[in-house]
């Protein structure tokens, strides 16, 4: 994910430009801190107080220069208009959030409004076109058959959530003025397997990551990835 975000930033902004980044649903702040270390000004928005505390603890041990580039706020990604003015950011990240939002179109429109012209919207979503894969690989044929016709599923935490189909998100992004420019598959080979839970030795890990990166950029593999990384650009 980080490599893909960096790739898209490098393609769309001058080298060395200090970007204004909004990370919606930032969790423990992994992406926010990584981008702050790269020199960008980052605002993290997180509604879970526990995750916000984890992010604050991680930020507290960073050098002062990095701490000064990060602002952490408690808030809901569906209410960005209450926190920020339109066009306030060059990059908006929304990774692993939409699956918890029953009707995401209004939220996505709000995120697009946060972008300055030419700004990058980065989404990480559950792939609604591949929900049957995990069931099928587990030999759960009843679950696989049911998943073909639904975008609802139960995640590893036991929560009832939803996935997004590439075609539908492509149409939504076009409609909100941030049309899709690039997309990747994420966790093509490792979702639901031991390789996704236990890190192998370094050399094997490098090969695994290389294979995942190649598959995530290549058809037909990226189409059956567990997750999709979509990048839209504000017109």
Foldseek 3Di string as FASTA:
>chain_A
DLVVVVVVCPVQDDPPDAWEEEEAQCFLPPNVLVSLVVPHQYEYEHQDVVSLVNNVVVLVPDDPSSVVSYHYYYDHLLPVVVPDQFQQGQEYEYEPPQQAPPDCLSSVLVSLRNHHAFGKYKYKWFELCAQLPLCVVVVNVVRSVVSNPAQWDQDPVRDITGTDHPVVVQVSCVVSQFHWDDKWAAALPNPPHVCVPDPDPPVVNVVVVVVRRVLRRDPPRSNNHRMMITMTTHD
